[in-house]
Amino acid sequence: SELKVQIASDYLYGRDSYNGLSQKYNIAASIIRTWVKAAELNGLESLKVKRTKREYSVDFKLDVVSYYLKSDVGRNLVAAKFNISPSQVYSWTKKFQRGGPDALLPVKKGRPAKMPKKTEKAKRNKQIGTLTDKQKYEAKILEKDARIKELELELIIAKKVAARYPRYPIDKRHR
């Protein structure tokens, strides 16, 4: 992480170029660009490894996923914008696509108790697992937007195939 900070600061303060740093440290220029972008958006401290496990709210996760799905920006830039790792963006997006907004809810950890306790803490944990109506509607909109984007891509592909191979049979839905 100190190396990331050093490389990003070298570029930001004009000491070297992407290609120069790439050759000097034997690291791909695209990776260096990602580090520099993260440093520009969130400061050099964002490049240091975070040792603590952070808990993120469902709203934050939905914001990240919706921004990623609606914009044509890559995972690295979304991660830099929200100061999280690109793998976290990927993980949340996959969970959302597979299980909807409920998949982004916090999961209880640890071994289950033999005898459940009826306390205020148990009631609060139960409330954590439910989404508000607003969150449900936002998630439905995201799912519909993702589906529309997917169908538009299918249509574009079908049209290109039809243009390139006129005799190739195409499903009637795509005409």
C-alpha atoms as a PDB file:
ATOM      1  CA  SER A   1       0.000   0.000   0.000  1.00  0.00           C
ATOM      2  CA  GLU A   2       2.916   2.347   0.620  1.00  0.00           C
ATOM      3  CA  LEU A   3       4.109   1.550  -2.901  1.00  0.00           C
ATOM      4  CA  LYS A   4       0.708   2.574  -4.300  1.00  0.00           C
ATOM      5  CA  VAL A   5       0.886   5.881  -2.439  1.00  0.00           C
ATOM      6  CA  GLN A   6       4.448   6.474  -3.650  1.00  0.00           C
ATOM      7  CA  ILE A   7       3.611   5.713  -7.288  1.00  0.00           C
ATOM      8  CA  ALA A   8       0.418   7.807  -7.268  1.00  0.00           C
ATOM      9  CA  SER A   9       2.159  10.751  -5.628  1.00  0.00           C
ATOM     10  CA  ASP A  10       5.038  10.525  -8.130  1.00  0.00           C
ATOM     11  CA  TYR A  11       2.532  10.869 -10.950  1.00  0.00           C
ATOM     12  CA  LEU A  12       0.355  13.512  -9.285  1.00  0.00           C
ATOM     13  CA  TYR A  13       3.306  15.751  -8.455  1.00  0.00           C
ATOM     14  CA  GLY A  14       4.612  15.443 -12.013  1.00  0.00           C
ATOM     15  CA  ARG A  15       7.752  13.479 -11.198  1.00  0.00           C
ATOM     16  CA  ASP A  16       7.084  10.772 -13.790  1.00  0.00           C
ATOM     17  CA  SER A  17       4.623   9.597 -16.467  1.00  0.00           C
ATOM     18  CA  TYR A  18       2.404   6.505 -16.502  1.00  0.00           C
ATOM     19  CA  ASN A  19       4.768   4.716 -18.866  1.00  0.00           C
ATOM     20  CA  GLY A  20       7.847   5.755 -16.907  1.00  0.00           C
ATOM     21  CA  LEU A  21       6.369   4.515 -13.641  1.00  0.00           C
ATOM     22  CA  SER A  22       5.180   1.345 -15.360  1.00  0.00           C
ATOM     23  CA  GLN A  23       8.691   0.535 -16.538  1.00  0.00           C
ATOM     24  CA  LYS A  24      10.343   1.612 -13.302  1.00  0.00           C
ATOM     25  CA  TYR A  25       8.176  -0.572 -11.026  1.00  0.00           C
ATOM     26  CA  ASN A  26       7.233  -3.252 -13.594  1.00  0.00           C
ATOM     27  CA  ILE A  27       3.505  -2.639 -13.065  1.00  0.00           C
ATOM     28  CA  ALA A  28       0.922  -2.226 -15.836  1.00  0.00           C
ATOM     29  CA  ALA A  29       0.129   1.389 -16.690  1.00  0.00           C
ATOM     30  CA  SER A  30      -3.614   0.676 -16.453  1.00  0.00           C
ATOM     31  CA  ILE A  31      -3.219  -0.342 -12.805  1.00  0.00           C
ATOM     32  CA  ILE A  32      -1.257   2.820 -12.090  1.00  0.00           C
ATOM     33  CA  ARG A  33      -4.013   4.859 -13.782  1.00  0.00           C
ATOM     34  CA  THR A  34      -6.571   3.226 -11.467  1.00  0.00           C
ATOM     35  CA  TRP A  35      -4.513   4.094  -8.385  1.00  0.00           C
ATOM     36  CA  VAL A  36      -4.047   7.684  -9.549  1.00  0.00           C
ATOM     37  CA  LYS A  37      -7.775   8.047 -10.266  1.00  0.00           C
ATOM     38  CA  ALA A  38      -8.605   6.741  -6.783  1.00  0.00           C
ATOM     39  CA  ALA A  39      -6.101   9.156  -5.259  1.00  0.00           C
ATOM     40  CA  GLU A  40      -7.573  12.064  -7.228  1.00  0.00           C
ATOM     41  CA  LEU A  41     -11.121  11.250  -6.136  1.00  0.00           C
ATOM     42  CA  ASN A  42     -10.536  10.265  -2.505  1.00  0.00           C
ATOM     43  CA  GLY A  43      -7.006  11.332  -1.596  1.00  0.00           C
ATOM     44  CA  LEU A  44      -3.813   9.347  -1.154  1.00  0.00           C
ATOM     45  CA  GLU A  45      -5.093   7.818   2.104  1.00  0.00           C
ATOM     46  CA  SER A  46      -7.653   5.827   0.105  1.00  0.00           C
ATOM     47  CA  LEU A  47      -4.806   3.777  -1.398  1.00  0.00           C
ATOM     48  CA  LYS A  48      -3.657   2.454   1.952  1.00  0.00           C
ATOM     49  CA  VAL A  49      -4.875  -1.007   2.916  1.00  0.00           C
ATOM     50  CA  LYS A  50      -7.774  -0.913   5.310  1.00  0.00           C
ATOM     51  CA  ARG A  51      -7.325  -3.529   8.009  1.00  0.00           C
ATOM     52  CA  THR A  52     -10.765  -3.179   9.571  1.00  0.00           C
ATOM     53  CA  LYS A  53     -13.824  -4.856   8.154  1.00  0.00           C
ATOM     54  CA  ARG A  54     -16.417  -2.252   7.331  1.00  0.00           C
ATOM     55  CA  GLU A  55     -20.144  -2.857   7.452  1.00  0.00           C
ATOM     56  CA  TYR A  56     -22.090  -1.100   4.708  1.00  0.00           C
ATOM     57  CA  SER A  57     -25.769  -0.187   4.833  1.00  0.00           C
ATOM     58  CA  VAL A  58     -28.232  -1.598   2.326  1.00  0.00           C
ATOM     59  CA  ASP A  59     -28.813   1.932   0.998  1.00  0.00           C
ATOM     60  CA  PHE A  60     -25.099   2.382   0.319  1.00  0.00           C
ATOM     61  CA  LYS A  61     -24.902  -0.987  -1.451  1.00  0.00           C
ATOM     62  CA  LEU A  62     -27.951  -0.132  -3.576  1.00  0.00           C
ATOM     63  CA  ASP A  63     -26.424   3.257  -4.430  1.00  0.00           C
ATOM     64  CA  VAL A  64     -23.204   1.603  -5.586  1.00  0.00           C
ATOM     65  CA  VAL A  65     -25.013  -1.066  -7.621  1.00  0.00           C
ATOM     66  CA  SER A  66     -27.416   1.424  -9.209  1.00  0.00           C
ATOM     67  CA  TYR A  67     -24.579   3.788 -10.124  1.00  0.00           C
ATOM     68  CA  TYR A  68     -22.643   0.907 -11.677  1.00  0.00           C
ATOM     69  CA  LEU A  69     -25.634  -0.431 -13.642  1.00  0.00           C
ATOM     70  CA  LYS A  70     -26.911   2.951 -14.840  1.00  0.00           C
ATOM     71  CA  SER A  71     -23.600   4.495 -15.826  1.00  0.00           C
ATOM     72  CA  ASP A  72     -21.259   3.209 -18.475  1.00  0.00           C
ATOM     73  CA  VAL A  73     -18.321   3.453 -16.091  1.00  0.00           C
ATOM     74  CA  GLY A  74     -16.136   0.488 -15.213  1.00  0.00           C
ATOM     75  CA  ARG A  75     -15.914  -1.191 -11.815  1.00  0.00           C
ATOM     76  CA  ASN A  76     -12.586   0.444 -11.045  1.00  0.00           C
ATOM     77  CA  LEU A  77     -13.942   3.971 -11.420  1.00  0.00           C
ATOM     78  CA  VAL A  78     -17.093   3.167  -9.446  1.00  0.00           C
ATOM     79  CA  ALA A  79     -14.926   1.693  -6.701  1.00  0.00           C
ATOM     80  CA  ALA A  80     -12.715   4.777  -6.704  1.00  0.00           C
ATOM     81  CA  LYS A  81     -15.758   7.064  -6.519  1.00  0.00           C
ATOM     82  CA  PHE A  82     -17.221   5.243  -3.504  1.00  0.00           C
ATOM     83  CA  ASN A  83     -13.825   4.422  -1.929  1.00  0.00           C
ATOM     84  CA  ILE A  84     -14.315   0.653  -1.941  1.00  0.00           C
ATOM     85  CA  SER A  85     -12.553  -2.155  -3.777  1.00  0.00           C
ATOM     86  CA  PRO A  86     -13.565  -3.129  -7.329  1.00  0.00           C
ATOM     87  CA  SER A  87     -14.146  -6.699  -6.158  1.00  0.00           C
ATOM     88  CA  GLN A  88     -16.742  -5.379  -3.698  1.00  0.00           C
ATOM     89  CA  VAL A  89     -18.595  -3.647  -6.550  1.00  0.00           C
ATOM     90  CA  TYR A  90     -18.516  -6.902  -8.523  1.00  0.00           C
ATOM     91  CA  SER A  91     -19.713  -8.947  -5.548  1.00  0.00           C
ATOM     92  CA  TRP A  92     -22.646  -6.657  -4.745  1.00  0.00           C
ATOM     93  CA  THR A  93     -23.660  -6.430  -8.406  1.00  0.00           C
ATOM     94  CA  LYS A  94     -23.673 -10.214  -8.811  1.00  0.00           C
ATOM     95  CA  LYS A  95     -25.629 -10.664  -5.578  1.00  0.00           C
ATOM     96  CA  PHE A  96     -28.160  -8.082  -6.740  1.00  0.00           C
ATOM     97  CA  GLN A  97     -28.542  -9.689 -10.164  1.00  0.00           C
ATOM     98  CA  ARG A  98     -28.994 -13.164  -8.681  1.00  0.00           C
ATOM     99  CA  GLY A  99     -31.182 -12.424  -5.671  1.00  0.00           C
ATOM    100  CA  GLY A 100     -32.476  -8.883  -6.010  1.00  0.00           C
ATOM    101  CA  PRO A 101     -32.233  -6.305  -3.239  1.00  0.00           C
ATOM    102  CA  ASP A 102     -32.794  -8.890  -0.507  1.00  0.00           C
ATOM    103  CA  ALA A 103     -29.424 -10.422  -1.367  1.00  0.00           C
ATOM    104  CA  LEU A 104     -27.745  -7.191  -0.210  1.00  0.00           C
ATOM    105  CA  LEU A 105     -29.173  -7.432   3.296  1.00  0.00           C
ATOM    106  CA  PRO A 106     -26.701  -8.107   6.108  1.00  0.00           C
ATOM    107  CA  VAL A 107     -26.277 -11.773   6.916  1.00  0.00           C
ATOM    108  CA  LYS A 108     -26.187 -13.012  10.480  1.00  0.00           C
ATOM    109  CA  LYS A 109     -22.815 -14.475  11.277  1.00  0.00           C
ATOM    110  CA  GLY A 110     -21.749 -17.141  13.692  1.00  0.00           C
ATOM    111  CA  ARG A 111     -23.190 -20.364  14.935  1.00  0.00           C
ATOM    112  CA  PRO A 112     -26.907 -20.312  15.714  1.00  0.00           C
ATOM    113  CA  ALA A 113     -27.882 -20.487  19.362  1.00  0.00           C
ATOM    114  CA  LYS A 114     -29.422 -23.689  20.692  1.00  0.00           C
ATOM    115  CA  MET A 115     -32.154 -21.770  22.481  1.00  0.00           C
ATOM    116  CA  PRO A 116     -33.375 -18.606  20.798  1.00  0.00           C
ATOM    117  CA  LYS A 117     -33.573 -15.581  23.082  1.00  0.00           C
ATOM    118  CA  LYS A 118     -36.624 -13.327  23.004  1.00  0.00           C
ATOM    119  CA  THR A 119     -35.009  -9.976  23.653  1.00  0.00           C
ATOM    120  CA  GLU A 120     -34.944  -6.494  22.199  1.00  0.00           C
ATOM    121  CA  LYS A 121     -31.744  -7.415  20.387  1.00  0.00           C
ATOM    122  CA  ALA A 122     -33.511 -10.234  18.542  1.00  0.00           C
ATOM    123  CA  LYS A 123     -36.315  -7.872  17.525  1.00  0.00           C
ATOM    124  CA  ARG A 124     -33.805  -5.331  16.193  1.00  0.00           C
ATOM    125  CA  ASN A 125     -32.001  -8.033  14.185  1.00  0.00           C
ATOM    126  CA  LYS A 126     -35.307  -9.042  12.667  1.00  0.00           C
ATOM    127  CA  GLN A 127     -35.953  -5.446  11.593  1.00  0.00           C
ATOM    128  CA  ILE A 128     -32.530  -5.224   9.927  1.00  0.00           C
ATOM    129  CA  GLY A 129     -33.521  -8.001   7.535  1.00  0.00           C
ATOM    130  CA  THR A 130     -36.474  -6.093   6.040  1.00  0.00           C
ATOM    131  CA  LEU A 131     -36.384  -3.519   3.281  1.00  0.00           C
ATOM    132  CA  THR A 132     -38.447  -0.354   3.291  1.00  0.00           C
ATOM    133  CA  ASP A 133     -41.011   0.193   0.551  1.00  0.00           C
ATOM    134  CA  LYS A 134     -38.821   2.853  -1.027  1.00  0.00           C
ATOM    135  CA  GLN A 135     -35.856   0.468  -1.150  1.00  0.00           C
ATOM    136  CA  LYS A 136     -38.042  -2.245  -2.688  1.00  0.00           C
ATOM    137  CA  TYR A 137     -39.305   0.109  -5.402  1.00  0.00           C
ATOM    138  CA  GLU A 138     -35.816   1.395  -6.148  1.00  0.00           C
ATOM    139  CA  ALA A 139     -34.598  -2.175  -6.435  1.00  0.00           C
ATOM    140  CA  LYS A 140     -37.461  -3.080  -8.792  1.00  0.00           C
ATOM    141  CA  ILE A 141     -36.605  -0.093 -10.958  1.00  0.00           C
ATOM    142  CA  LEU A 142     -32.957  -1.174 -11.027  1.00  0.00           C
ATOM    143  CA  GLU A 143     -33.949  -4.705 -12.022  1.00  0.00           C
ATOM    144  CA  LYS A 144     -36.182  -3.379 -14.812  1.00  0.00           C
ATOM    145  CA  ASP A 145     -33.444  -1.021 -16.051  1.00  0.00           C
ATOM    146  CA  ALA A 146     -30.934  -3.873 -16.108  1.00  0.00           C
ATOM    147  CA  ARG A 147     -33.406  -6.068 -18.007  1.00  0.00           C
ATOM    148  CA  ILE A 148     -34.075  -3.291 -20.543  1.00  0.00           C
ATOM    149  CA  LYS A 149     -30.346  -2.808 -21.062  1.00  0.00           C
ATOM    150  CA  GLU A 150     -29.915  -6.564 -21.542  1.00  0.00           C
ATOM    151  CA  LEU A 151     -32.743  -6.731 -24.109  1.00  0.00           C
ATOM    152  CA  GLU A 152     -31.385  -3.706 -25.976  1.00  0.00           C
ATOM    153  CA  LEU A 153     -28.003  -5.423 -26.243  1.00  0.00           C
ATOM    154  CA  GLU A 154     -29.676  -8.608 -27.516  1.00  0.00           C
ATOM    155  CA  LEU A 155     -31.516  -6.568 -30.144  1.00  0.00           C
ATOM    156  CA  ILE A 156     -28.330  -4.843 -31.290  1.00  0.00           C
ATOM    157  CA  ILE A 157     -26.551  -8.194 -31.568  1.00  0.00           C
ATOM    158  CA  ALA A 158     -29.464  -9.728 -33.485  1.00  0.00           C
ATOM    159  CA  LYS A 159     -29.522  -6.822 -35.935  1.00  0.00           C
ATOM    160  CA  LYS A 160     -25.782  -7.075 -36.533  1.00  0.00           C
ATOM    161  CA  VAL A 161     -26.029 -10.829 -37.095  1.00  0.00           C
ATOM    162  CA  ALA A 162     -28.936 -10.293 -39.513  1.00  0.00           C
ATOM    163  CA  ALA A 163     -27.003  -7.640 -41.415  1.00  0.00           C
ATOM    164  CA  ARG A 164     -23.886  -9.750 -41.655  1.00  0.00           C
ATOM    165  CA  TYR A 165     -25.581 -13.100 -42.376  1.00  0.00           C
ATOM    166  CA  PRO A 166     -28.858 -12.424 -44.242  1.00  0.00           C
ATOM    167  CA  ARG A 167     -29.811 -16.117 -44.440  1.00  0.00           C
ATOM    168  CA  TYR A 168     -29.249 -16.727 -40.723  1.00  0.00           C
ATOM    169  CA  PRO A 169     -32.639 -17.421 -39.062  1.00  0.00           C
ATOM    170  CA  ILE A 170     -33.508 -14.957 -36.332  1.00  0.00           C
ATOM    171  CA  ASP A 171     -36.154 -15.305 -33.682  1.00  0.00           C
ATOM    172  CA  LYS A 172     -39.294 -13.314 -34.631  1.00  0.00           C
ATOM    173  CA  ARG A 173     -39.145 -11.303 -31.399  1.00  0.00           C
ATOM    174  CA  HIS A 174     -36.015  -9.507 -32.589  1.00  0.00           C
ATOM    175  CA  ARG A 175     -37.529  -8.165 -35.835  1.00  0.00           C
END
